[in-house]
Every structure is written in structure tokens, then in C-alpha cells.
Amino acid sequence: MPDPHAQVETPEARNHRRLRVAKSQADMAYFQARLSLLGEPKTLNQVAQQRTFKLLLKAIGERMVNVEPGS
């Protein structure tokens, strides 16, 4: 049964949401590529980069899971 309180998404809002999703997917691909190129860190800087990329990848992944059609 449809929710009577649900708002209808406009085409502009839908396009904006789809663009945000595509940008987030591109960000995730970038961070995954950086992590794979980094390999096993040999310096403290590389360890910091690895930690940062993993945190960013997790944060973007969580945002992707929480994306709702109406948001």
C-alpha cells in the first residue's frame, strides 16, 4: 500500500540524486584504486594514506547504503 504521506520526487530531484550516487560511486572507485596501488605500506605516510582511504571508503559506502529514493 502506498504511503499517503510520501512526497512525489520531481524529475530534477531524481536527476540530482542520481548524480550524487554516481559521484559517490566514482569516489569509491578512486579510493579502492588508491588502496590497491598502495599495496603494503612501507612508510608512516603510506600507513596514514591507507588509513585515510579506508575511512573515506567506509564513509562513502555508508552514505550509499543510506540513500533513499526520496532523499
C-alpha atoms as a PDB file:
ATOM      1  CA  MET A   1       0.000   0.000   0.000  1.00  0.00           C
ATOM      2  CA  PRO A   2       1.477   3.399  -0.967  1.00  0.00           C
ATOM      3  CA  ASP A   3       2.373   5.793   1.830  1.00  0.00           C
ATOM      4  CA  PRO A   4      -0.151   8.688   1.761  1.00  0.00           C
ATOM      5  CA  HIS A   5       2.471  10.987   3.329  1.00  0.00           C
ATOM      6  CA  ALA A   6       5.183  10.214   0.770  1.00  0.00           C
ATOM      7  CA  GLN A   7       6.225  13.142  -1.383  1.00  0.00           C
ATOM      8  CA  VAL A   8       6.468  12.725  -5.124  1.00  0.00           C
ATOM      9  CA  GLU A   9      10.022  13.141  -6.340  1.00  0.00           C
ATOM     10  CA  THR A  10      10.395  15.691  -9.109  1.00  0.00           C
ATOM     11  CA  PRO A  11      12.450  14.831 -12.196  1.00  0.00           C
ATOM     12  CA  GLU A  12      15.027  17.452 -11.158  1.00  0.00           C
ATOM     13  CA  ALA A  13      15.335  15.963  -7.667  1.00  0.00           C
ATOM     14  CA  ARG A  14      15.648  12.466  -9.131  1.00  0.00           C
ATOM     15  CA  ASN A  15      18.389  13.610 -11.507  1.00  0.00           C
ATOM     16  CA  HIS A  16      20.208  15.359  -8.666  1.00  0.00           C
ATOM     17  CA  ARG A  17      20.027  12.212  -6.516  1.00  0.00           C
ATOM     18  CA  ARG A  18      21.281  10.042  -9.376  1.00  0.00           C
ATOM     19  CA  LEU A  19      24.204  12.429  -9.922  1.00  0.00           C
ATOM     20  CA  ARG A  20      25.114  12.257  -6.213  1.00  0.00           C
ATOM     21  CA  VAL A  21      25.050   8.463  -6.369  1.00  0.00           C
ATOM     22  CA  ALA A  22      27.258   8.434  -9.479  1.00  0.00           C
ATOM     23  CA  LYS A  23      29.742  10.829  -7.855  1.00  0.00           C
ATOM     24  CA  SER A  24      29.872   8.691  -4.730  1.00  0.00           C
ATOM     25  CA  GLN A  25      30.473   5.565  -6.824  1.00  0.00           C
ATOM     26  CA  ALA A  26      33.319   7.340  -8.620  1.00  0.00           C
ATOM     27  CA  ASP A  27      34.811   8.387  -5.270  1.00  0.00           C
ATOM     28  CA  MET A  28      34.626   4.804  -4.027  1.00  0.00           C
ATOM     29  CA  ALA A  29      36.350   3.517  -7.166  1.00  0.00           C
ATOM     30  CA  TYR A  30      39.094   6.130  -6.736  1.00  0.00           C
ATOM     31  CA  PHE A  31      39.764   5.158  -3.119  1.00  0.00           C
ATOM     32  CA  GLN A  32      39.733   1.440  -3.965  1.00  0.00           C
ATOM     33  CA  ALA A  33      42.247   2.067  -6.762  1.00  0.00           C
ATOM     34  CA  ARG A  34      44.499   4.114  -4.474  1.00  0.00           C
ATOM     35  CA  LEU A  35      44.407   1.362  -1.865  1.00  0.00           C
ATOM     36  CA  SER A  36      45.312  -1.305  -4.395  1.00  0.00           C
ATOM     37  CA  LEU A  37      48.159   0.808  -5.822  1.00  0.00           C
ATOM     38  CA  LEU A  38      49.491   1.493  -2.337  1.00  0.00           C
ATOM     39  CA  GLY A  39      49.831  -2.194  -1.562  1.00  0.00           C
ATOM     40  CA  GLU A  40      51.631  -2.942   1.699  1.00  0.00           C
ATOM     41  CA  PRO A  41      52.631   0.386   3.265  1.00  0.00           C
ATOM     42  CA  LYS A  42      56.364   0.863   3.811  1.00  0.00           C
ATOM     43  CA  THR A  43      56.403   4.341   5.362  1.00  0.00           C
ATOM     44  CA  LEU A  44      54.387   6.151   8.012  1.00  0.00           C
ATOM     45  CA  ASN A  45      52.993   8.396   5.285  1.00  0.00           C
ATOM     46  CA  GLN A  46      51.722   5.360   3.376  1.00  0.00           C
ATOM     47  CA  VAL A  47      50.188   3.945   6.574  1.00  0.00           C
ATOM     48  CA  ALA A  48      48.386   7.261   7.096  1.00  0.00           C
ATOM     49  CA  GLN A  49      47.223   7.282   3.466  1.00  0.00           C
ATOM     50  CA  GLN A  50      45.947   3.716   3.782  1.00  0.00           C
ATOM     51  CA  ARG A  51      44.048   4.520   6.973  1.00  0.00           C
ATOM     52  CA  THR A  52      42.565   7.674   5.447  1.00  0.00           C
ATOM     53  CA  PHE A  53      41.481   5.950   2.226  1.00  0.00           C
ATOM     54  CA  LYS A  54      39.873   3.110   4.194  1.00  0.00           C
ATOM     55  CA  LEU A  55      37.962   5.583   6.378  1.00  0.00           C
ATOM     56  CA  LEU A  56      36.805   7.586   3.363  1.00  0.00           C
ATOM     57  CA  LEU A  57      35.769   4.429   1.520  1.00  0.00           C
ATOM     58  CA  LYS A  58      33.766   3.297   4.557  1.00  0.00           C
ATOM     59  CA  ALA A  59      32.100   6.695   4.969  1.00  0.00           C
ATOM     60  CA  ILE A  60      31.083   6.875   1.319  1.00  0.00           C
ATOM     61  CA  GLY A  61      29.875   3.279   1.396  1.00  0.00           C
ATOM     62  CA  GLU A  62      27.676   4.055   4.385  1.00  0.00           C
ATOM     63  CA  ARG A  63      26.260   7.086   2.579  1.00  0.00           C
ATOM     64  CA  MET A  64      25.450   4.888  -0.414  1.00  0.00           C
ATOM     65  CA  VAL A  65      23.577   2.405   1.781  1.00  0.00           C
ATOM     66  CA  ASN A  66      21.558   5.208   3.357  1.00  0.00           C
ATOM     67  CA  VAL A  67      20.476   6.791   0.059  1.00  0.00           C
ATOM     68  CA  GLU A  68      16.735   6.676  -0.208  1.00  0.00           C
ATOM     69  CA  PRO A  69      14.676   7.402  -3.321  1.00  0.00           C
ATOM     70  CA  GLY A  70      13.131  10.461  -1.677  1.00  0.00           C
ATOM     71  CA  SER A  71      16.372  11.938  -0.286  1.00  0.00           C
END
